[in-house]
N, C-alpha and C. Protein backbone atom coordinates (compact mmCIF):
# COMPACT_ATOMS: atom_id res chain seq x y z
N ARG A 1 145.85 162.63 -68.66
CA ARG A 1 145.86 163.55 -69.78
C ARG A 1 147.26 163.59 -70.36
N CYS A 2 147.30 163.85 -71.66
CA CYS A 2 148.57 163.88 -72.39
C CYS A 2 148.52 165.02 -73.40
N TYR A 3 149.70 165.51 -73.75
CA TYR A 3 149.78 166.53 -74.79
C TYR A 3 149.35 165.93 -76.12
N ASP A 4 148.54 166.67 -76.86
CA ASP A 4 148.03 166.22 -78.15
C ASP A 4 148.57 167.15 -79.24
N LYS A 5 149.36 166.62 -80.17
CA LYS A 5 150.00 167.43 -81.21
C LYS A 5 148.99 168.10 -82.13
N GLU A 6 147.89 167.40 -82.45
CA GLU A 6 146.93 167.94 -83.41
C GLU A 6 146.20 169.17 -82.87
N THR A 7 145.82 169.14 -81.58
CA THR A 7 145.06 170.24 -80.99
C THR A 7 145.92 171.23 -80.23
N ASN A 8 147.13 170.83 -79.87
CA ASN A 8 148.05 171.64 -79.07
C ASN A 8 147.52 171.88 -77.65
N PHE A 9 146.72 170.91 -77.14
CA PHE A 9 146.18 170.95 -75.78
C PHE A 9 146.58 169.67 -75.05
N ASP A 10 146.56 169.71 -73.74
CA ASP A 10 146.59 168.48 -72.95
C ASP A 10 145.17 167.94 -72.92
N LEU A 11 144.99 166.71 -73.36
CA LEU A 11 143.66 166.11 -73.47
C LEU A 11 143.61 164.76 -72.78
N PHE A 12 142.38 164.35 -72.46
CA PHE A 12 142.12 163.01 -71.95
C PHE A 12 142.69 162.00 -72.94
N HIS A 13 143.28 160.95 -72.43
CA HIS A 13 143.84 159.91 -73.28
C HIS A 13 143.49 158.57 -72.65
N ALA A 14 142.76 157.75 -73.37
CA ALA A 14 142.35 156.44 -72.85
C ALA A 14 143.39 155.39 -73.19
N ASP A 15 143.83 154.66 -72.19
CA ASP A 15 144.70 153.51 -72.37
C ASP A 15 143.92 152.27 -72.00
N GLN A 16 144.22 151.16 -72.65
CA GLN A 16 143.51 149.94 -72.31
C GLN A 16 143.95 149.46 -70.93
N ILE A 17 142.96 149.20 -70.10
CA ILE A 17 143.19 148.66 -68.77
C ILE A 17 142.31 147.42 -68.65
N GLY A 18 142.88 146.33 -68.24
CA GLY A 18 142.09 145.10 -68.13
C GLY A 18 142.05 144.38 -69.46
N THR A 19 141.01 143.58 -69.64
CA THR A 19 140.90 142.77 -70.85
C THR A 19 139.69 143.18 -71.66
N ALA A 20 139.72 142.85 -72.92
CA ALA A 20 138.57 143.11 -73.78
C ALA A 20 137.40 142.26 -73.33
N GLY A 21 136.20 142.68 -73.68
CA GLY A 21 135.03 141.90 -73.35
C GLY A 21 134.29 142.39 -72.13
N GLY A 22 134.67 143.55 -71.59
CA GLY A 22 133.99 144.10 -70.43
C GLY A 22 132.66 144.73 -70.80
N GLU A 23 132.06 145.36 -69.81
CA GLU A 23 130.76 146.00 -70.00
C GLU A 23 130.87 147.51 -70.22
N TYR A 24 132.05 148.09 -69.99
CA TYR A 24 132.26 149.53 -70.12
C TYR A 24 133.54 149.80 -70.88
N ALA A 25 133.57 150.94 -71.57
CA ALA A 25 134.78 151.35 -72.28
C ALA A 25 134.87 152.87 -72.26
N ALA A 26 136.07 153.40 -72.02
CA ALA A 26 136.33 154.83 -72.13
C ALA A 26 136.80 155.10 -73.55
N LEU A 27 136.37 156.21 -74.12
CA LEU A 27 136.65 156.49 -75.52
C LEU A 27 136.89 157.97 -75.72
N ARG A 28 137.86 158.29 -76.53
CA ARG A 28 138.10 159.67 -76.97
C ARG A 28 138.01 159.69 -78.49
N LEU A 29 137.14 160.54 -79.01
CA LEU A 29 137.04 160.73 -80.46
C LEU A 29 137.90 161.92 -80.86
N LEU A 30 138.62 161.77 -81.94
CA LEU A 30 139.55 162.79 -82.41
C LEU A 30 138.86 163.81 -83.30
N PRO A 31 139.50 164.96 -83.53
CA PRO A 31 138.92 166.00 -84.37
C PRO A 31 138.62 165.54 -85.79
N ASN A 32 137.62 166.17 -86.37
CA ASN A 32 137.25 166.06 -87.78
C ASN A 32 136.55 164.76 -88.16
N GLN A 33 136.28 163.88 -87.22
CA GLN A 33 135.48 162.71 -87.57
C GLN A 33 134.04 162.96 -87.14
N ASP A 34 133.09 162.33 -87.82
CA ASP A 34 131.69 162.52 -87.45
C ASP A 34 131.44 161.92 -86.07
N PHE A 35 130.76 162.68 -85.22
CA PHE A 35 130.50 162.30 -83.84
C PHE A 35 129.73 160.97 -83.75
N ALA A 36 128.55 160.88 -84.35
CA ALA A 36 127.74 159.67 -84.24
C ALA A 36 128.41 158.47 -84.91
N THR A 37 129.01 158.68 -86.06
CA THR A 37 129.69 157.59 -86.76
C THR A 37 130.86 157.07 -85.94
N GLY A 38 131.60 157.96 -85.29
CA GLY A 38 132.71 157.55 -84.43
C GLY A 38 132.24 156.66 -83.28
N LEU A 39 131.08 156.99 -82.70
CA LEU A 39 130.52 156.16 -81.63
C LEU A 39 130.13 154.78 -82.16
N ASP A 40 129.49 154.76 -83.34
CA ASP A 40 129.10 153.48 -83.96
C ASP A 40 130.33 152.64 -84.27
N ASN A 41 131.38 153.28 -84.79
CA ASN A 41 132.61 152.55 -85.12
C ASN A 41 133.26 151.96 -83.87
N ALA A 42 133.16 152.66 -82.74
CA ALA A 42 133.71 152.13 -81.50
C ALA A 42 132.97 150.86 -81.09
N CYS A 43 131.66 150.85 -81.22
CA CYS A 43 130.89 149.63 -80.93
C CYS A 43 131.34 148.49 -81.83
N ASP A 44 131.51 148.79 -83.12
CA ASP A 44 131.98 147.78 -84.06
C ASP A 44 133.33 147.22 -83.63
N SER A 45 134.26 148.11 -83.25
CA SER A 45 135.61 147.69 -82.84
C SER A 45 135.58 146.83 -81.58
N LEU A 46 134.65 147.14 -80.70
CA LEU A 46 134.52 146.37 -79.46
C LEU A 46 133.74 145.06 -79.66
N GLY A 47 133.08 144.92 -80.81
CA GLY A 47 132.25 143.75 -81.05
C GLY A 47 130.93 143.80 -80.30
N TRP A 48 130.48 145.01 -79.95
CA TRP A 48 129.23 145.19 -79.21
C TRP A 48 128.10 145.50 -80.18
N PRO A 49 126.90 144.97 -79.92
CA PRO A 49 125.76 145.31 -80.77
C PRO A 49 125.33 146.76 -80.58
N ALA A 50 125.46 147.28 -79.35
CA ALA A 50 125.04 148.65 -79.05
C ALA A 50 125.61 149.08 -77.70
N ALA A 51 125.59 150.40 -77.46
CA ALA A 51 126.06 150.93 -76.18
C ALA A 51 125.32 152.23 -75.86
N ARG A 52 125.05 152.42 -74.59
CA ARG A 52 124.58 153.72 -74.10
C ARG A 52 125.82 154.59 -73.96
N VAL A 53 125.69 155.87 -74.28
CA VAL A 53 126.83 156.78 -74.31
C VAL A 53 126.64 157.89 -73.28
N HIS A 54 127.68 158.13 -72.48
CA HIS A 54 127.69 159.19 -71.48
C HIS A 54 128.95 160.02 -71.70
N GLY A 55 128.84 161.36 -71.73
CA GLY A 55 130.06 162.12 -71.87
C GLY A 55 129.87 163.56 -72.30
N ILE A 56 131.01 164.15 -72.70
CA ILE A 56 131.08 165.56 -73.07
C ILE A 56 131.93 165.70 -74.32
N GLY A 57 131.91 166.90 -74.91
CA GLY A 57 132.77 167.13 -76.05
C GLY A 57 132.46 168.43 -76.76
N SER A 58 132.97 168.52 -77.97
CA SER A 58 132.75 169.71 -78.80
C SER A 58 132.60 169.29 -80.25
N VAL A 59 131.69 169.95 -80.95
CA VAL A 59 131.53 169.74 -82.39
C VAL A 59 131.54 171.10 -83.08
N ASN A 60 131.86 171.08 -84.36
CA ASN A 60 131.95 172.29 -85.16
C ASN A 60 130.59 172.61 -85.77
N THR A 61 130.03 173.77 -85.44
CA THR A 61 128.75 174.24 -85.98
C THR A 61 127.70 173.13 -85.96
N PRO A 62 127.22 172.78 -84.76
CA PRO A 62 126.28 171.66 -84.62
C PRO A 62 125.01 171.82 -85.44
N ARG A 63 124.60 170.69 -86.02
CA ARG A 63 123.38 170.62 -86.83
C ARG A 63 122.46 169.57 -86.22
N PHE A 64 121.22 169.98 -85.98
CA PHE A 64 120.25 169.15 -85.29
C PHE A 64 119.24 168.53 -86.25
N GLU A 65 118.63 167.44 -85.82
CA GLU A 65 117.62 166.76 -86.63
C GLU A 65 116.44 167.66 -86.97
N ASN A 66 116.10 168.60 -86.07
CA ASN A 66 114.95 169.48 -86.30
C ASN A 66 115.30 170.70 -87.17
N GLY A 67 116.52 170.75 -87.70
CA GLY A 67 116.92 171.84 -88.58
C GLY A 67 117.68 172.98 -87.90
N GLN A 68 117.71 173.01 -86.55
CA GLN A 68 118.47 174.05 -85.86
C GLN A 68 119.96 173.91 -86.17
N VAL A 69 120.64 175.04 -86.22
CA VAL A 69 122.09 175.09 -86.37
C VAL A 69 122.62 176.10 -85.38
N LEU A 70 123.63 175.73 -84.61
CA LEU A 70 124.29 176.67 -83.71
C LEU A 70 125.50 177.21 -84.46
N ASP A 71 125.43 178.47 -84.86
CA ASP A 71 126.49 179.07 -85.67
C ASP A 71 127.65 179.47 -84.78
N SER A 72 128.41 178.47 -84.35
CA SER A 72 129.57 178.70 -83.49
C SER A 72 130.60 177.62 -83.76
N LEU A 73 131.80 178.05 -84.09
CA LEU A 73 132.87 177.08 -84.31
C LEU A 73 133.23 176.37 -83.00
N ALA A 74 133.48 177.15 -81.96
CA ALA A 74 133.84 176.56 -80.67
C ALA A 74 132.58 176.30 -79.86
N THR A 75 132.40 175.07 -79.42
CA THR A 75 131.22 174.67 -78.64
C THR A 75 131.64 173.70 -77.54
N GLU A 76 130.76 173.53 -76.59
CA GLU A 76 130.91 172.48 -75.56
C GLU A 76 129.55 171.86 -75.35
N PHE A 77 129.49 170.52 -75.27
CA PHE A 77 128.20 169.87 -75.06
C PHE A 77 128.28 168.79 -73.99
N LEU A 78 127.09 168.47 -73.48
CA LEU A 78 126.87 167.36 -72.56
C LEU A 78 125.87 166.43 -73.23
N ILE A 79 126.17 165.15 -73.27
CA ILE A 79 125.25 164.16 -73.83
C ILE A 79 124.16 163.89 -72.81
N THR A 80 122.90 164.02 -73.22
CA THR A 80 121.79 163.72 -72.32
C THR A 80 121.13 162.38 -72.64
N ASP A 81 121.28 161.90 -73.88
CA ASP A 81 120.74 160.59 -74.25
C ASP A 81 121.37 160.18 -75.57
N ALA A 82 122.04 159.04 -75.59
CA ALA A 82 122.63 158.58 -76.85
C ALA A 82 122.83 157.08 -76.81
N ILE A 83 122.51 156.47 -77.94
CA ILE A 83 122.76 155.05 -78.16
C ILE A 83 123.61 154.93 -79.42
N ALA A 84 124.69 154.20 -79.33
CA ALA A 84 125.52 153.91 -80.50
C ALA A 84 125.34 152.44 -80.83
N GLY A 85 125.56 152.10 -82.08
CA GLY A 85 125.41 150.70 -82.44
C GLY A 85 126.06 150.37 -83.74
N HIS A 86 126.12 149.10 -84.03
CA HIS A 86 126.75 148.57 -85.23
C HIS A 86 126.23 149.30 -86.45
N GLY A 87 127.10 150.08 -87.09
CA GLY A 87 126.74 150.79 -88.31
C GLY A 87 125.55 151.73 -88.17
N GLY A 88 125.22 152.12 -86.94
CA GLY A 88 124.08 153.00 -86.71
C GLY A 88 122.75 152.30 -86.71
N THR A 89 122.73 150.98 -86.95
CA THR A 89 121.46 150.26 -87.07
C THR A 89 120.72 150.14 -85.74
N ASN A 90 121.44 150.18 -84.62
CA ASN A 90 120.78 150.07 -83.32
C ASN A 90 120.52 151.42 -82.68
N ALA A 91 120.95 152.48 -83.33
CA ALA A 91 120.75 153.82 -82.80
C ALA A 91 119.40 154.35 -83.28
N LYS A 92 118.57 154.78 -82.35
CA LYS A 92 117.24 155.26 -82.74
C LYS A 92 117.31 156.57 -83.52
N SER A 93 118.28 157.40 -83.20
CA SER A 93 118.51 158.66 -83.91
C SER A 93 119.84 159.21 -83.43
N GLY A 94 120.12 160.45 -83.78
CA GLY A 94 121.39 161.04 -83.38
C GLY A 94 121.48 161.26 -81.88
N PRO A 95 122.68 161.50 -81.37
CA PRO A 95 122.87 161.75 -79.94
C PRO A 95 122.11 163.00 -79.49
N GLU A 96 121.45 162.92 -78.34
CA GLU A 96 120.77 164.08 -77.77
C GLU A 96 121.74 164.79 -76.85
N ILE A 97 121.84 166.12 -77.03
CA ILE A 97 122.81 166.90 -76.28
C ILE A 97 122.21 168.22 -75.80
N VAL A 98 122.92 168.86 -74.89
CA VAL A 98 122.74 170.27 -74.55
C VAL A 98 124.06 170.92 -74.90
N ILE A 99 124.03 172.05 -75.64
CA ILE A 99 125.27 172.63 -76.15
C ILE A 99 125.25 174.15 -76.03
N VAL A 100 126.42 174.70 -75.83
CA VAL A 100 126.59 176.15 -75.76
C VAL A 100 127.72 176.55 -76.71
N GLY A 101 127.55 177.70 -77.34
CA GLY A 101 128.58 178.22 -78.24
C GLY A 101 129.60 179.06 -77.51
N ILE A 102 130.55 179.57 -78.25
CA ILE A 102 131.70 180.27 -77.67
C ILE A 102 131.33 181.51 -76.88
N ASP A 103 130.29 182.25 -77.30
CA ASP A 103 129.96 183.47 -76.57
C ASP A 103 129.00 183.23 -75.40
N GLY A 104 128.47 182.02 -75.27
CA GLY A 104 127.62 181.66 -74.13
C GLY A 104 126.22 182.24 -74.17
N SER A 105 125.86 182.94 -75.25
CA SER A 105 124.56 183.60 -75.29
C SER A 105 123.43 182.69 -75.77
N LYS A 106 123.77 181.58 -76.40
CA LYS A 106 122.74 180.69 -76.94
C LYS A 106 123.03 179.26 -76.50
N ILE A 107 122.04 178.65 -75.85
CA ILE A 107 122.14 177.25 -75.43
C ILE A 107 121.04 176.50 -76.16
N LEU A 108 121.42 175.45 -76.87
CA LEU A 108 120.46 174.63 -77.60
C LEU A 108 120.47 173.21 -77.06
N SER A 109 119.35 172.53 -77.27
CA SER A 109 119.30 171.11 -76.92
C SER A 109 118.50 170.39 -78.00
N GLY A 110 118.79 169.13 -78.16
CA GLY A 110 118.09 168.31 -79.14
C GLY A 110 118.99 167.21 -79.66
N ARG A 111 118.51 166.53 -80.67
CA ARG A 111 119.26 165.42 -81.27
C ARG A 111 120.06 165.91 -82.47
N LEU A 112 121.35 165.60 -82.45
CA LEU A 112 122.21 165.96 -83.57
C LEU A 112 121.92 165.07 -84.77
N SER A 113 122.03 165.63 -85.94
CA SER A 113 121.87 164.86 -87.17
C SER A 113 123.04 163.89 -87.31
N ARG A 114 122.74 162.64 -87.61
CA ARG A 114 123.78 161.64 -87.81
C ARG A 114 124.51 161.97 -89.12
N GLY A 115 125.84 161.91 -89.09
CA GLY A 115 126.65 162.14 -90.28
C GLY A 115 126.89 163.60 -90.62
N ALA A 116 126.50 164.53 -89.74
CA ALA A 116 126.62 165.95 -90.07
C ALA A 116 127.34 166.78 -89.01
N ASN A 117 128.03 166.14 -88.06
CA ASN A 117 128.62 166.87 -86.95
C ASN A 117 130.04 166.40 -86.67
N ALA A 118 131.00 167.17 -87.17
CA ALA A 118 132.41 166.83 -86.99
C ALA A 118 132.87 167.22 -85.59
N VAL A 119 133.63 166.32 -84.96
CA VAL A 119 134.24 166.62 -83.67
C VAL A 119 135.18 167.80 -83.87
N LEU A 120 135.12 168.76 -82.93
CA LEU A 120 135.98 169.93 -83.03
C LEU A 120 137.33 169.66 -82.39
N VAL A 121 137.40 169.60 -81.06
CA VAL A 121 138.65 169.32 -80.36
C VAL A 121 138.68 167.88 -79.88
N THR A 122 137.66 167.48 -79.14
CA THR A 122 137.61 166.12 -78.61
C THR A 122 136.20 165.79 -78.15
N VAL A 123 135.89 164.51 -78.11
CA VAL A 123 134.70 163.99 -77.45
C VAL A 123 135.21 162.91 -76.52
N GLU A 124 134.82 162.99 -75.26
CA GLU A 124 135.26 162.03 -74.25
C GLU A 124 134.04 161.37 -73.64
N VAL A 125 133.93 160.05 -73.80
CA VAL A 125 132.74 159.34 -73.38
C VAL A 125 133.07 158.03 -72.67
N VAL A 126 132.06 157.54 -71.98
CA VAL A 126 132.07 156.18 -71.46
C VAL A 126 130.93 155.46 -72.15
N LEU A 127 131.25 154.31 -72.71
CA LEU A 127 130.24 153.46 -73.35
C LEU A 127 129.84 152.36 -72.37
N SER A 128 128.56 152.13 -72.27
CA SER A 128 128.01 151.07 -71.43
C SER A 128 127.32 150.07 -72.35
N ARG A 129 127.85 148.86 -72.39
CA ARG A 129 127.38 147.85 -73.35
C ARG A 129 125.91 147.54 -73.17
N LEU A 130 125.20 147.48 -74.31
CA LEU A 130 123.80 147.05 -74.35
C LEU A 130 123.73 145.80 -75.20
N ASN A 131 122.88 144.89 -74.86
CA ASN A 131 122.69 143.68 -75.67
C ASN A 131 121.42 143.85 -76.48
N ALA A 132 121.52 144.69 -77.51
CA ALA A 132 120.35 145.02 -78.34
C ALA A 132 119.99 143.89 -79.26
């Protein structure tokens, strides 16, 4: 972990270890970028057709495919099912998560809408390469 000037927190920081072309990659998404798009862009950067995504993070006022909205700026989520891919073409839909807001009174689960969920503080994931 390292101090992060943008968030003013000590956060996970991924450094390259080994060589490119492996089957796994650690990734941290920065604030204010779209969650699903950031995952797709990582696959593009790695030259992977697709990847299974495992991890945690936070998004600002999450919006789900089924129309639910968690009205909470500060959130924490766990990814339960997610596929990222080249330009979103290999992703069946948005990442499926379980999420809780700042007051802890409401827990939602479902698939986030692609292109509608900005990372709040950080998203920390491990990508597992898929040959889609």
